Amino acid sequence: MKLLPKMAFTAAALCGMSFSALAGAGAPEAGSLLLFPCFDSNRGSTTILTVTNTNSDFTQVGQLYAGTVDVEFVYINKNDCQEFNRTRRLTPNDTLSVLAKNDNPNQREGYCYVFAKSPLSGAAISWNHLIGISQVDSAVGASVDINPYVFKAIGAQGVATDVNSDGLRNLDGVEYEGSPDRLLVPRFLAQGPADSTLVLINLTGAARFTAVVDFLIYNDNEEVFSAQYDFKCWKKVDLDQISGSFRQDFLVTTNHNVLESVNGTETGWFRLNGNLAYSTADSETNPAILAALFEDYIGNTGELPFTSGTQTNGELVSQSVFHP
């Protein structure tokens, strides 16, 4: 996995990681909805999004092949979760790559999800044949590949997924697979010597809801410290802005193991879990949250969060002050 040099460009480096499928172990499986954790169209950065239809059915059905599907790209703006949409048609074994800054000239940064649609009705459907990848390039030529989160649809192939007719893609175990309940980051390097950034996505009442996230931060000797952080929609934040417990000058004052460090830099790990999402009119406990950690320490690295449990109150993307 290649990661972008932070000195080349900061925003794109925050996006550099690969995600495994949420269900089961091992490599990701194809699904009906792909969620790319970020796109970056800031000056000097270019994001390429690729979606591939792995269905190989060339049986002629009317004017189409049986393996043909439409896919809708939905770009979500980082500040307010407003969306920009485009629909494309993929024939069997077809692949499509687009430049985010050309495909979506109205937004500079955020995340993007792509879902399968019927080429006849335009309705969202079960089509567990989609795979994808994205690439972010900097002005100096550095690049990083980013796999999407993959959500399988629950129903049989071709069946409409919008079971409750709310117009949303519900990650509820009825329309699509649920999202992770808790996220476990296996390592962080102490801030000061290292410079780390966390990307957060709120999937519960995303547009109008503030999400409160609980953190349990462990040093290298099992001591635990707690913190909270709140955000809306999509956020990238330095670890030491979440809590001073991530800093080198704090960790060396704790009951840490003096024999466990990386060239004198303290290490630890942390858990995060959605505590509450609230708007001016509604609230939801234990909201669905996605996250990714990126570190700059003798080069850039990225850590995938491990997951525990399943959360079923996420959706893409509500603009209401009431949670569906």
C-alpha atoms as a PDB file:
ATOM      1  CA  MET A   1       0.000   0.000   0.000  1.00  0.00           C
ATOM      2  CA  LYS A   2       1.435   3.355  -1.051  1.00  0.00           C
ATOM      3  CA  LEU A   3       0.825   6.477   0.981  1.00  0.00           C
ATOM      4  CA  LEU A   4       1.260  10.086  -0.020  1.00  0.00           C
ATOM      5  CA  PRO A   5       4.132  12.190   1.300  1.00  0.00           C
ATOM      6  CA  LYS A   6       2.573  14.747   3.624  1.00  0.00           C
ATOM      7  CA  MET A   7       4.998  17.419   2.454  1.00  0.00           C
ATOM      8  CA  ALA A   8       3.599  17.002  -1.035  1.00  0.00           C
ATOM      9  CA  PHE A   9       0.031  17.618  -0.037  1.00  0.00           C
ATOM     10  CA  THR A  10      -1.858  17.207   3.200  1.00  0.00           C
ATOM     11  CA  ALA A  11      -5.490  16.674   2.251  1.00  0.00           C
ATOM     12  CA  ALA A  12      -4.886  13.813  -0.127  1.00  0.00           C
ATOM     13  CA  ALA A  13      -2.598  12.042   2.319  1.00  0.00           C
ATOM     14  CA  LEU A  14      -5.473  11.851   4.773  1.00  0.00           C
ATOM     15  CA  CYS A  15      -7.378   9.604   2.410  1.00  0.00           C
ATOM     16  CA  GLY A  16      -4.761   6.935   1.839  1.00  0.00           C
ATOM     17  CA  MET A  17      -5.820   3.498   2.972  1.00  0.00           C
ATOM     18  CA  SER A  18      -7.550   0.328   1.880  1.00  0.00           C
ATOM     19  CA  PHE A  19     -10.691  -0.998   3.537  1.00  0.00           C
ATOM     20  CA  SER A  20     -11.698  -4.618   3.878  1.00  0.00           C
ATOM     21  CA  ALA A  21     -15.265  -5.770   3.497  1.00  0.00           C
ATOM     22  CA  LEU A  22     -17.464  -5.356   6.548  1.00  0.00           C
ATOM     23  CA  ALA A  23     -18.861  -8.888   6.438  1.00  0.00           C
ATOM     24  CA  GLY A  24     -16.697 -11.961   6.877  1.00  0.00           C
ATOM     25  CA  ALA A  25     -12.938 -12.335   6.950  1.00  0.00           C
ATOM     26  CA  GLY A  26     -10.324 -11.995   4.257  1.00  0.00           C
ATOM     27  CA  ALA A  27     -10.408  -9.926   1.106  1.00  0.00           C
ATOM     28  CA  PRO A  28     -13.413  -7.733   0.214  1.00  0.00           C
ATOM     29  CA  GLU A  29     -16.294  -9.259  -1.731  1.00  0.00           C
ATOM     30  CA  ALA A  30     -18.301  -7.517  -4.442  1.00  0.00           C
ATOM     31  CA  GLY A  31     -21.395  -5.641  -3.304  1.00  0.00           C
ATOM     32  CA  SER A  32     -24.229  -3.361  -4.382  1.00  0.00           C
ATOM     33  CA  LEU A  33     -22.967  -0.173  -2.711  1.00  0.00           C
ATOM     34  CA  LEU A  34     -19.398   1.136  -2.542  1.00  0.00           C
ATOM     35  CA  LEU A  35     -18.416   3.940  -0.165  1.00  0.00           C
ATOM     36  CA  PHE A  36     -15.151   5.703  -0.987  1.00  0.00           C
ATOM     37  CA  PRO A  37     -14.011   7.387   2.272  1.00  0.00           C
ATOM     38  CA  CYS A  38     -12.757  10.484   0.512  1.00  0.00           C
ATOM     39  CA  PHE A  39     -12.241  12.345  -2.701  1.00  0.00           C
ATOM     40  CA  ASP A  40      -9.825  15.252  -2.909  1.00  0.00           C
ATOM     41  CA  SER A  41     -10.113  17.815  -5.687  1.00  0.00           C
ATOM     42  CA  ASN A  42      -8.146  20.548  -3.949  1.00  0.00           C
ATOM     43  CA  ARG A  43      -5.483  22.377  -5.899  1.00  0.00           C
ATOM     44  CA  GLY A  44      -2.614  20.055  -6.769  1.00  0.00           C
ATOM     45  CA  SER A  45      -4.598  16.870  -6.095  1.00  0.00           C
ATOM     46  CA  THR A  46      -6.490  14.526  -8.403  1.00  0.00           C
ATOM     47  CA  THR A  47      -8.777  11.638  -7.408  1.00  0.00           C
ATOM     48  CA  ILE A  48      -9.643   8.830  -9.810  1.00  0.00           C
ATOM     49  CA  LEU A  49     -12.699   6.744  -8.897  1.00  0.00           C
ATOM     50  CA  THR A  50     -13.104   3.347 -10.552  1.00  0.00           C
ATOM     51  CA  VAL A  51     -16.196   1.124 -10.459  1.00  0.00           C
ATOM     52  CA  THR A  52     -16.385  -2.269 -12.193  1.00  0.00           C
ATOM     53  CA  ASN A  53     -19.379  -4.499 -12.925  1.00  0.00           C
ATOM     54  CA  THR A  54     -18.193  -8.100 -12.531  1.00  0.00           C
ATOM     55  CA  ASN A  55     -21.453  -9.613 -13.820  1.00  0.00           C
ATOM     56  CA  SER A  56     -20.623 -11.588 -16.988  1.00  0.00           C
ATOM     57  CA  ASP A  57     -24.132 -12.373 -18.251  1.00  0.00           C
ATOM     58  CA  PHE A  58     -24.353 -11.429 -21.953  1.00  0.00           C
ATOM     59  CA  THR A  59     -27.791 -12.996 -22.411  1.00  0.00           C
ATOM     60  CA  GLN A  60     -29.865 -10.634 -24.541  1.00  0.00           C
ATOM     61  CA  VAL A  61     -32.969  -9.382 -22.723  1.00  0.00           C
ATOM     62  CA  GLY A  62     -34.830  -6.867 -24.868  1.00  0.00           C
ATOM     63  CA  GLN A  63     -32.391  -4.103 -25.816  1.00  0.00           C
ATOM     64  CA  LEU A  64     -29.970  -4.905 -22.968  1.00  0.00           C
ATOM     65  CA  TYR A  65     -27.716  -7.686 -21.789  1.00  0.00           C
ATOM     66  CA  ALA A  66     -28.919  -9.406 -18.602  1.00  0.00           C
ATOM     67  CA  GLY A  67     -25.699  -8.383 -16.853  1.00  0.00           C
ATOM     68  CA  THR A  68     -26.140  -4.649 -17.514  1.00  0.00           C
ATOM     69  CA  VAL A  69     -26.578  -2.287 -14.560  1.00  0.00           C
ATOM     70  CA  ASP A  70     -26.706   1.460 -13.949  1.00  0.00           C
ATOM     71  CA  VAL A  71     -24.585   2.966 -11.173  1.00  0.00           C
ATOM     72  CA  GLU A  72     -25.129   6.308  -9.477  1.00  0.00           C
ATOM     73  CA  PHE A  73     -22.144   8.269  -8.164  1.00  0.00           C
ATOM     74  CA  VAL A  74     -23.165  10.384  -5.161  1.00  0.00           C
ATOM     75  CA  TYR A  75     -20.536  12.906  -4.035  1.00  0.00           C
ATOM     76  CA  ILE A  76     -21.045  14.165  -0.475  1.00  0.00           C
ATOM     77  CA  ASN A  77     -19.656  17.592   0.394  1.00  0.00           C
ATOM     78  CA  LYS A  78     -17.601  17.533   3.601  1.00  0.00           C
ATOM     79  CA  ASN A  79     -19.184  20.639   5.151  1.00  0.00           C
ATOM     80  CA  ASP A  80     -22.935  20.081   4.857  1.00  0.00           C
ATOM     81  CA  CYS A  81     -23.417  16.623   3.301  1.00  0.00           C
ATOM     82  CA  GLN A  82     -25.047  18.168   0.228  1.00  0.00           C
ATOM     83  CA  GLU A  83     -24.783  15.807  -2.729  1.00  0.00           C
ATOM     84  CA  PHE A  84     -23.891  15.903  -6.396  1.00  0.00           C
ATOM     85  CA  ASN A  85     -25.076  12.958  -8.542  1.00  0.00           C
ATOM     86  CA  ARG A  86     -24.240  11.291 -11.843  1.00  0.00           C
ATOM     87  CA  THR A  87     -25.577   8.015 -13.293  1.00  0.00           C
ATOM     88  CA  ARG A  88     -23.674   5.762 -15.700  1.00  0.00           C
ATOM     89  CA  ARG A  89     -24.427   2.444 -17.429  1.00  0.00           C
ATOM     90  CA  LEU A  90     -22.120  -0.541 -17.089  1.00  0.00           C
ATOM     91  CA  THR A  91     -22.492  -3.496 -19.442  1.00  0.00           C
ATOM     92  CA  PRO A  92     -21.265  -6.978 -18.359  1.00  0.00           C
ATOM     93  CA  ASN A  93     -17.589  -6.919 -17.301  1.00  0.00           C
ATOM     94  CA  ASP A  94     -17.522  -3.157 -17.882  1.00  0.00           C
ATOM     95  CA  THR A  95     -15.334  -0.781 -15.868  1.00  0.00           C
ATOM     96  CA  LEU A  96     -15.453   3.003 -15.583  1.00  0.00           C
ATOM     97  CA  SER A  97     -12.857   5.409 -14.188  1.00  0.00           C
ATOM     98  CA  VAL A  98     -13.633   9.091 -13.672  1.00  0.00           C
ATOM     99  CA  LEU A  99     -11.685  12.121 -12.479  1.00  0.00           C
ATOM    100  CA  ALA A 100     -13.527  13.480  -9.453  1.00  0.00           C
ATOM    101  CA  LYS A 101     -12.668  17.115 -10.210  1.00  0.00           C
ATOM    102  CA  ASN A 102     -14.162  16.802 -13.717  1.00  0.00           C
ATOM    103  CA  ASP A 103     -17.023  14.544 -12.754  1.00  0.00           C
ATOM    104  CA  ASN A 104     -17.955  16.790  -9.835  1.00  0.00           C
ATOM    105  CA  PRO A 105     -16.685  20.342 -10.400  1.00  0.00           C
ATOM    106  CA  ASN A 106     -18.838  21.755  -7.583  1.00  0.00           C
ATOM    107  CA  GLN A 107     -17.117  20.169  -4.569  1.00  0.00           C
ATOM    108  CA  ARG A 108     -13.497  20.053  -3.469  1.00  0.00           C
ATOM    109  CA  GLU A 109     -13.479  17.412  -0.748  1.00  0.00           C
ATOM    110  CA  GLY A 110     -15.662  14.855   1.007  1.00  0.00           C
ATOM    111  CA  TYR A 111     -16.645  11.269   0.323  1.00  0.00           C
ATOM    112  CA  CYS A 112     -18.435   9.427  -2.459  1.00  0.00           C
ATOM    113  CA  TYR A 113     -20.731   6.416  -2.573  1.00  0.00           C
ATOM    114  CA  VAL A 114     -21.824   4.469  -5.645  1.00  0.00           C
ATOM    115  CA  PHE A 115     -24.859   2.183  -5.775  1.00  0.00           C
ATOM    116  CA  ALA A 116     -26.474  -0.134  -8.314  1.00  0.00           C
ATOM    117  CA  LYS A 117     -29.694   0.898 -10.093  1.00  0.00           C
ATOM    118  CA  SER A 118     -32.053  -0.804 -12.493  1.00  0.00           C
ATOM    119  CA  PRO A 119     -31.377   0.339 -16.095  1.00  0.00           C
ATOM    120  CA  LEU A 120     -35.127   0.016 -16.733  1.00  0.00           C
ATOM    121  CA  SER A 121     -36.784   1.642 -13.696  1.00  0.00           C
ATOM    122  CA  GLY A 122     -33.943   3.671 -12.218  1.00  0.00           C
ATOM    123  CA  ALA A 123     -34.642   2.160  -8.784  1.00  0.00           C
ATOM    124  CA  ALA A 124     -31.825   1.119  -6.447  1.00  0.00           C
ATOM    125  CA  ILE A 125     -31.434  -2.652  -6.698  1.00  0.00           C
ATOM    126  CA  SER A 126     -29.562  -5.593  -5.272  1.00  0.00           C
ATOM    127  CA  TRP A 127     -26.576  -6.198  -7.558  1.00  0.00           C
ATOM    128  CA  ASN A 128     -23.731  -7.764  -5.598  1.00  0.00           C
ATOM    129  CA  HIS A 129     -21.291  -7.550  -8.499  1.00  0.00           C
ATOM    130  CA  LEU A 130     -19.709  -4.119  -7.946  1.00  0.00           C
ATOM    131  CA  ILE A 131     -16.053  -3.668  -7.055  1.00  0.00           C
ATOM    132  CA  GLY A 132     -13.943  -0.524  -7.138  1.00  0.00           C
ATOM    133  CA  ILE A 133     -10.837   1.399  -6.203  1.00  0.00           C
ATOM    134  CA  SER A 134      -9.767   5.021  -6.146  1.00  0.00           C
ATOM    135  CA  GLN A 135      -6.430   6.734  -6.563  1.00  0.00           C
ATOM    136  CA  VAL A 136      -5.308  10.137  -5.334  1.00  0.00           C
ATOM    137  CA  ASP A 137      -2.387  11.821  -7.103  1.00  0.00           C
ATOM    138  CA  SER A 138      -0.471  14.849  -5.922  1.00  0.00           C
ATOM    139  CA  ALA A 139       1.063  17.636  -7.969  1.00  0.00           C
ATOM    140  CA  VAL A 140       4.513  16.045  -7.519  1.00  0.00           C
ATOM    141  CA  GLY A 141       3.453  12.610  -8.715  1.00  0.00           C
ATOM    142  CA  ALA A 142       2.949  10.733  -5.430  1.00  0.00           C
ATOM    143  CA  SER A 143      -0.151   8.558  -5.328  1.00  0.00           C
ATOM    144  CA  VAL A 144      -2.206   6.345  -3.049  1.00  0.00           C
ATOM    145  CA  ASP A 145      -4.791   3.676  -3.801  1.00  0.00           C
ATOM    146  CA  ILE A 146      -7.969   3.634  -1.721  1.00  0.00           C
ATOM    147  CA  ASN A 147     -10.425   0.734  -1.680  1.00  0.00           C
ATOM    148  CA  PRO A 148     -14.049   1.480  -0.775  1.00  0.00           C
ATOM    149  CA  TYR A 149     -16.186   0.141   2.018  1.00  0.00           C
ATOM    150  CA  VAL A 150     -18.347  -2.533   0.387  1.00  0.00           C
ATOM    151  CA  PHE A 151     -21.984  -3.132   1.367  1.00  0.00           C
ATOM    152  CA  LYS A 152     -23.908  -6.097  -0.010  1.00  0.00           C
ATOM    153  CA  ALA A 153     -27.621  -5.702  -0.661  1.00  0.00           C
ATOM    154  CA  ILE A 154     -29.834  -8.135   1.249  1.00  0.00           C
ATOM    155  CA  GLY A 155     -32.401  -9.078  -1.412  1.00  0.00           C
ATOM    156  CA  ALA A 156     -32.100 -11.287  -4.481  1.00  0.00           C
ATOM    157  CA  GLN A 157     -30.402  -9.945  -7.589  1.00  0.00           C
ATOM    158  CA  GLY A 158     -32.417  -7.245  -9.329  1.00  0.00           C
ATOM    159  CA  VAL A 159     -34.836  -6.717  -6.421  1.00  0.00           C
ATOM    160  CA  ALA A 160     -35.407  -3.087  -5.388  1.00  0.00           C
ATOM    161  CA  THR A 161     -33.595  -2.247  -2.153  1.00  0.00           C
ATOM    162  CA  ASP A 162     -35.649   0.739  -0.973  1.00  0.00           C
ATOM    163  CA  VAL A 163     -37.892  -1.417   1.206  1.00  0.00           C
ATOM    164  CA  ASN A 164     -39.356   1.454   3.253  1.00  0.00           C
ATOM    165  CA  SER A 165     -39.626   3.836   0.261  1.00  0.00           C
ATOM    166  CA  ASP A 166     -37.730   6.637   2.014  1.00  0.00           C
ATOM    167  CA  GLY A 167     -35.378   7.299  -0.905  1.00  0.00           C
ATOM    168  CA  LEU A 168     -32.293   6.538   1.219  1.00  0.00           C
ATOM    169  CA  ARG A 169     -29.778   3.727   1.098  1.00  0.00           C
ATOM    170  CA  ASN A 170     -30.341   2.237   4.554  1.00  0.00           C
ATOM    171  CA  LEU A 171     -27.453   0.267   6.099  1.00  0.00           C
ATOM    172  CA  ASP A 172     -29.858  -1.583   8.345  1.00  0.00           C
ATOM    173  CA  GLY A 173     -29.551  -5.274   7.539  1.00  0.00           C
ATOM    174  CA  VAL A 174     -32.806  -5.069   5.562  1.00  0.00           C
ATOM    175  CA  GLU A 175     -31.789  -3.045   2.505  1.00  0.00           C
ATOM    176  CA  TYR A 176     -27.993  -3.283   2.793  1.00  0.00           C
ATOM    177  CA  GLU A 177     -25.542  -4.735   5.294  1.00  0.00           C
ATOM    178  CA  GLY A 178     -25.068  -2.775   8.488  1.00  0.00           C
ATOM    179  CA  SER A 179     -21.955  -0.742   9.233  1.00  0.00           C
ATOM    180  CA  PRO A 180     -19.428  -1.479  12.032  1.00  0.00           C
ATOM    181  CA  ASP A 181     -20.570  -0.833  15.583  1.00  0.00           C
ATOM    182  CA  ARG A 182     -17.175  -0.219  17.210  1.00  0.00           C
ATOM    183  CA  LEU A 183     -13.819   0.620  15.624  1.00  0.00           C
ATOM    184  CA  LEU A 184     -10.477  -0.570  17.007  1.00  0.00           C
ATOM    185  CA  VAL A 185      -7.275   1.170  15.879  1.00  0.00           C
ATOM    186  CA  PRO A 186      -4.340  -1.129  16.668  1.00  0.00           C
ATOM    187  CA  ARG A 187      -1.623   1.514  16.954  1.00  0.00           C
ATOM    188  CA  PHE A 188      -0.905   5.212  17.151  1.00  0.00           C
ATOM    189  CA  LEU A 189       2.456   6.912  17.499  1.00  0.00           C
ATOM    190  CA  ALA A 190       2.690   9.708  20.059  1.00  0.00           C
ATOM    191  CA  GLN A 191       1.964  13.176  18.750  1.00  0.00           C
ATOM    192  CA  GLY A 192       4.946  15.467  18.713  1.00  0.00           C
ATOM    193  CA  PRO A 193       7.398  13.060  17.130  1.00  0.00           C
ATOM    194  CA  ALA A 194       4.541  11.865  14.907  1.00  0.00           C
ATOM    195  CA  ASP A 195       1.774  13.851  13.216  1.00  0.00           C
ATOM    196  CA  SER A 196      -1.460  11.868  12.885  1.00  0.00           C
ATOM    197  CA  THR A 197      -4.875  12.688  11.471  1.00  0.00           C
ATOM    198  CA  LEU A 198      -8.185  10.912  11.931  1.00  0.00           C
ATOM    199  CA  VAL A 199     -10.912  10.969   9.280  1.00  0.00           C
ATOM    200  CA  LEU A 200     -14.468  10.558  10.609  1.00  0.00           C
ATOM    201  CA  ILE A 201     -17.753   9.968   8.734  1.00  0.00           C
ATOM    202  CA  ASN A 202     -21.156  10.159  10.395  1.00  0.00           C
ATOM    203  CA  LEU A 203     -23.747   7.837   8.844  1.00  0.00           C
ATOM    204  CA  THR A 204     -26.624   8.506  11.276  1.00  0.00           C
ATOM    205  CA  GLY A 205     -28.619  11.624  10.404  1.00  0.00           C
ATOM    206  CA  ALA A 206     -25.522  12.790   8.576  1.00  0.00           C
ATOM    207  CA  ALA A 207     -26.500  16.220   7.253  1.00  0.00           C
ATOM    208  CA  ARG A 208     -28.303  17.803  10.206  1.00  0.00           C
ATOM    209  CA  PHE A 209     -26.967  15.721  13.108  1.00  0.00           C
ATOM    210  CA  THR A 210     -23.909  16.297  15.264  1.00  0.00           C
ATOM    211  CA  ALA A 211     -22.224  13.004  16.156  1.00  0.00           C
ATOM    212  CA  VAL A 212     -20.513  12.576  19.533  1.00  0.00           C
ATOM    213  CA  VAL A 213     -17.773   9.921  19.482  1.00  0.00           C
ATOM    214  CA  ASP A 214     -16.334   8.228  22.582  1.00  0.00           C
ATOM    215  CA  PHE A 215     -12.628   7.354  22.687  1.00  0.00           C
ATOM    216  CA  LEU A 216     -10.747   4.981  24.973  1.00  0.00           C
ATOM    217  CA  ILE A 217      -7.009   5.612  24.548  1.00  0.00           C
ATOM    218  CA  TYR A 218      -4.493   3.065  25.853  1.00  0.00           C
ATOM    219  CA  ASN A 219      -0.791   3.620  26.468  1.00  0.00           C
ATOM    220  CA  ASP A 220       1.731   0.783  26.010  1.00  0.00           C
ATOM    221  CA  ASN A 221       1.159  -0.478  29.562  1.00  0.00           C
ATOM    222  CA  GLU A 222      -2.639  -0.937  29.574  1.00  0.00           C
ATOM    223  CA  GLU A 223      -3.454   2.433  31.177  1.00  0.00           C
ATOM    224  CA  VAL A 224      -6.614   3.884  29.672  1.00  0.00           C
ATOM    225  CA  PHE A 225      -7.744   7.494  29.183  1.00  0.00           C
ATOM    226  CA  SER A 226     -11.070   8.714  27.833  1.00  0.00           C
ATOM    227  CA  ALA A 227     -12.071  11.494  25.462  1.00  0.00           C
ATOM    228  CA  GLN A 228     -14.994  12.683  23.352  1.00  0.00           C
ATOM    229  CA  TYR A 229     -15.133  14.466  20.030  1.00  0.00           C
ATOM    230  CA  ASP A 230     -18.108  15.819  18.084  1.00  0.00           C
ATOM    231  CA  PHE A 231     -18.437  16.603  14.389  1.00  0.00           C
ATOM    232  CA  LYS A 232     -20.924  16.828  11.535  1.00  0.00           C
ATOM    233  CA  CYS A 233     -20.972  14.911   8.259  1.00  0.00           C
ATOM    234  CA  TRP A 234     -17.242  14.347   7.441  1.00  0.00           C
ATOM    235  CA  LYS A 235     -14.227  15.565   9.348  1.00  0.00           C
ATOM    236  CA  LYS A 236     -10.460  15.257   9.379  1.00  0.00           C
ATOM    237  CA  VAL A 237      -8.848  16.170  12.683  1.00  0.00           C
ATOM    238  CA  ASP A 238      -5.379  15.921  14.240  1.00  0.00           C
ATOM    239  CA  LEU A 239      -5.252  13.339  17.032  1.00  0.00           C
ATOM    240  CA  ASP A 240      -3.976  15.818  19.616  1.00  0.00           C
ATOM    241  CA  GLN A 241      -6.972  18.061  18.904  1.00  0.00           C
ATOM    242  CA  ILE A 242      -9.158  15.192  20.108  1.00  0.00           C
ATOM    243  CA  SER A 243      -7.168  14.615  23.303  1.00  0.00           C
ATOM    244  CA  GLY A 244      -3.828  15.513  24.849  1.00  0.00           C
ATOM    245  CA  SER A 245      -3.590  11.818  25.810  1.00  0.00           C
ATOM    246  CA  PHE A 246      -2.242  11.174  22.328  1.00  0.00           C
ATOM    247  CA  ARG A 247       0.786  13.442  22.912  1.00  0.00           C
ATOM    248  CA  GLN A 248       4.350  12.335  23.654  1.00  0.00           C
ATOM    249  CA  ASP A 249       4.771  14.870  26.484  1.00  0.00           C
ATOM    250  CA  PHE A 250       1.736  13.373  28.235  1.00  0.00           C
ATOM    251  CA  LEU A 251       2.432   9.693  27.609  1.00  0.00           C
ATOM    252  CA  VAL A 252       5.948   9.879  29.089  1.00  0.00           C
ATOM    253  CA  THR A 253       4.390  11.035  32.388  1.00  0.00           C
ATOM    254  CA  THR A 254       2.099   7.991  32.606  1.00  0.00           C
ATOM    255  CA  ASN A 255       2.891   4.530  33.945  1.00  0.00           C
ATOM    256  CA  HIS A 256       4.189   3.501  30.542  1.00  0.00           C
ATOM    257  CA  ASN A 257       6.600   0.701  29.748  1.00  0.00           C
ATOM    258  CA  VAL A 258      10.008   2.335  29.294  1.00  0.00           C
ATOM    259  CA  LEU A 259      11.186  -0.663  27.248  1.00  0.00           C
ATOM    260  CA  GLU A 260       8.413  -0.287  24.673  1.00  0.00           C
ATOM    261  CA  SER A 261       8.825   2.559  22.205  1.00  0.00           C
ATOM    262  CA  VAL A 262       9.740   3.251  18.592  1.00  0.00           C
ATOM    263  CA  ASN A 263      13.088   5.069  18.733  1.00  0.00           C
ATOM    264  CA  GLY A 264      11.888   6.727  21.939  1.00  0.00           C
ATOM    265  CA  THR A 265       8.453   7.603  20.562  1.00  0.00           C
ATOM    266  CA  GLU A 266       5.616   6.321  22.734  1.00  0.00           C
ATOM    267  CA  THR A 267       2.919   4.134  21.216  1.00  0.00           C
ATOM    268  CA  GLY A 268      -0.620   3.119  22.092  1.00  0.00           C
ATOM    269  CA  TRP A 269      -3.931   2.049  20.621  1.00  0.00           C
ATOM    270  CA  PHE A 270      -7.527   3.239  20.871  1.00  0.00           C
ATOM    271  CA  ARG A 271     -11.184   2.339  20.545  1.00  0.00           C
ATOM    272  CA  LEU A 272     -13.890   4.631  19.219  1.00  0.00           C
ATOM    273  CA  ASN A 273     -17.633   4.263  19.270  1.00  0.00           C
ATOM    274  CA  GLY A 274     -20.523   6.544  18.418  1.00  0.00           C
ATOM    275  CA  ASN A 275     -22.174   7.789  21.608  1.00  0.00           C
ATOM    276  CA  LEU A 276     -24.947  10.088  20.389  1.00  0.00           C
ATOM    277  CA  ALA A 277     -26.098  11.895  17.255  1.00  0.00           C
ATOM    278  CA  TYR A 278     -28.427  14.850  17.735  1.00  0.00           C
ATOM    279  CA  SER A 279     -30.148  17.564  15.744  1.00  0.00           C
ATOM    280  CA  THR A 280     -32.348  20.473  16.766  1.00  0.00           C
ATOM    281  CA  ALA A 281     -35.343  18.122  16.832  1.00  0.00           C
ATOM    282  CA  ASP A 282     -34.173  14.530  17.376  1.00  0.00           C
ATOM    283  CA  SER A 283     -31.420  12.304  18.753  1.00  0.00           C
ATOM    284  CA  GLU A 284     -30.146   8.768  18.197  1.00  0.00           C
ATOM    285  CA  THR A 285     -27.923   6.780  20.541  1.00  0.00           C
ATOM    286  CA  ASN A 286     -24.965   4.752  19.296  1.00  0.00           C
ATOM    287  CA  PRO A 287     -24.745   6.313  15.812  1.00  0.00           C
ATOM    288  CA  ALA A 288     -22.922   4.582  12.954  1.00  0.00           C
ATOM    289  CA  ILE A 289     -19.412   6.011  12.496  1.00  0.00           C
ATOM    290  CA  LEU A 290     -16.595   5.255  10.037  1.00  0.00           C
ATOM    291  CA  ALA A 291     -12.985   6.280  10.644  1.00  0.00           C
ATOM    292  CA  ALA A 292      -9.419   6.005   9.368  1.00  0.00           C
ATOM    293  CA  LEU A 293      -6.063   6.964  10.892  1.00  0.00           C
ATOM    294  CA  PHE A 294      -3.084   8.417   9.004  1.00  0.00           C
ATOM    295  CA  GLU A 295       0.356   9.014  10.482  1.00  0.00           C
ATOM    296  CA  ASP A 296       3.417  10.994   9.385  1.00  0.00           C
ATOM    297  CA  TYR A 297       6.471   9.516  11.098  1.00  0.00           C
ATOM    298  CA  ILE A 298       9.575   8.711   9.055  1.00  0.00           C
ATOM    299  CA  GLY A 299       7.232   8.678   6.074  1.00  0.00           C
ATOM    300  CA  ASN A 300       3.473   8.328   5.930  1.00  0.00           C
ATOM    301  CA  THR A 301       1.548   5.262   7.053  1.00  0.00           C
ATOM    302  CA  GLY A 302      -2.118   4.385   7.375  1.00  0.00           C
ATOM    303  CA  GLU A 303      -3.948   2.092   9.762  1.00  0.00           C
ATOM    304  CA  LEU A 304      -7.190   0.276   9.066  1.00  0.00           C
ATOM    305  CA  PRO A 305      -9.630   0.128  11.960  1.00  0.00           C
ATOM    306  CA  PHE A 306     -10.591  -3.345  13.019  1.00  0.00           C
ATOM    307  CA  THR A 307     -14.316  -3.686  13.730  1.00  0.00           C
ATOM    308  CA  SER A 308     -16.533  -5.205  16.369  1.00  0.00           C
ATOM    309  CA  GLY A 309     -20.261  -5.767  16.057  1.00  0.00           C
ATOM    310  CA  THR A 310     -22.745  -4.335  13.569  1.00  0.00           C
ATOM    311  CA  GLN A 311     -24.691  -1.081  13.641  1.00  0.00           C
ATOM    312  CA  THR A 312     -28.010  -0.809  11.762  1.00  0.00           C
ATOM    313  CA  ASN A 313     -28.980   2.873  12.099  1.00  0.00           C
ATOM    314  CA  GLY A 314     -26.798   4.268   9.312  1.00  0.00           C
ATOM    315  CA  GLU A 315     -28.112   5.641   6.045  1.00  0.00           C
ATOM    316  CA  LEU A 316     -26.963   7.513   2.939  1.00  0.00           C
ATOM    317  CA  VAL A 317     -27.739  10.348   3.253  1.00  0.00           C
ATOM    318  CA  SER A 318     -30.538  11.950   5.270  1.00  0.00           C
ATOM    319  CA  GLN A 319     -31.095  15.720   5.075  1.00  0.00           C
ATOM    320  CA  SER A 320     -33.810  15.707   7.748  1.00  0.00           C
ATOM    321  CA  VAL A 321     -33.604  16.957  11.335  1.00  0.00           C
ATOM    322  CA  PHE A 322     -35.425  13.725  12.235  1.00  0.00           C
ATOM    323  CA  HIS A 323     -33.659  10.390  12.041  1.00  0.00           C
ATOM    324  CA  PRO A 324     -35.487   7.962   9.732  1.00  0.00           C
END
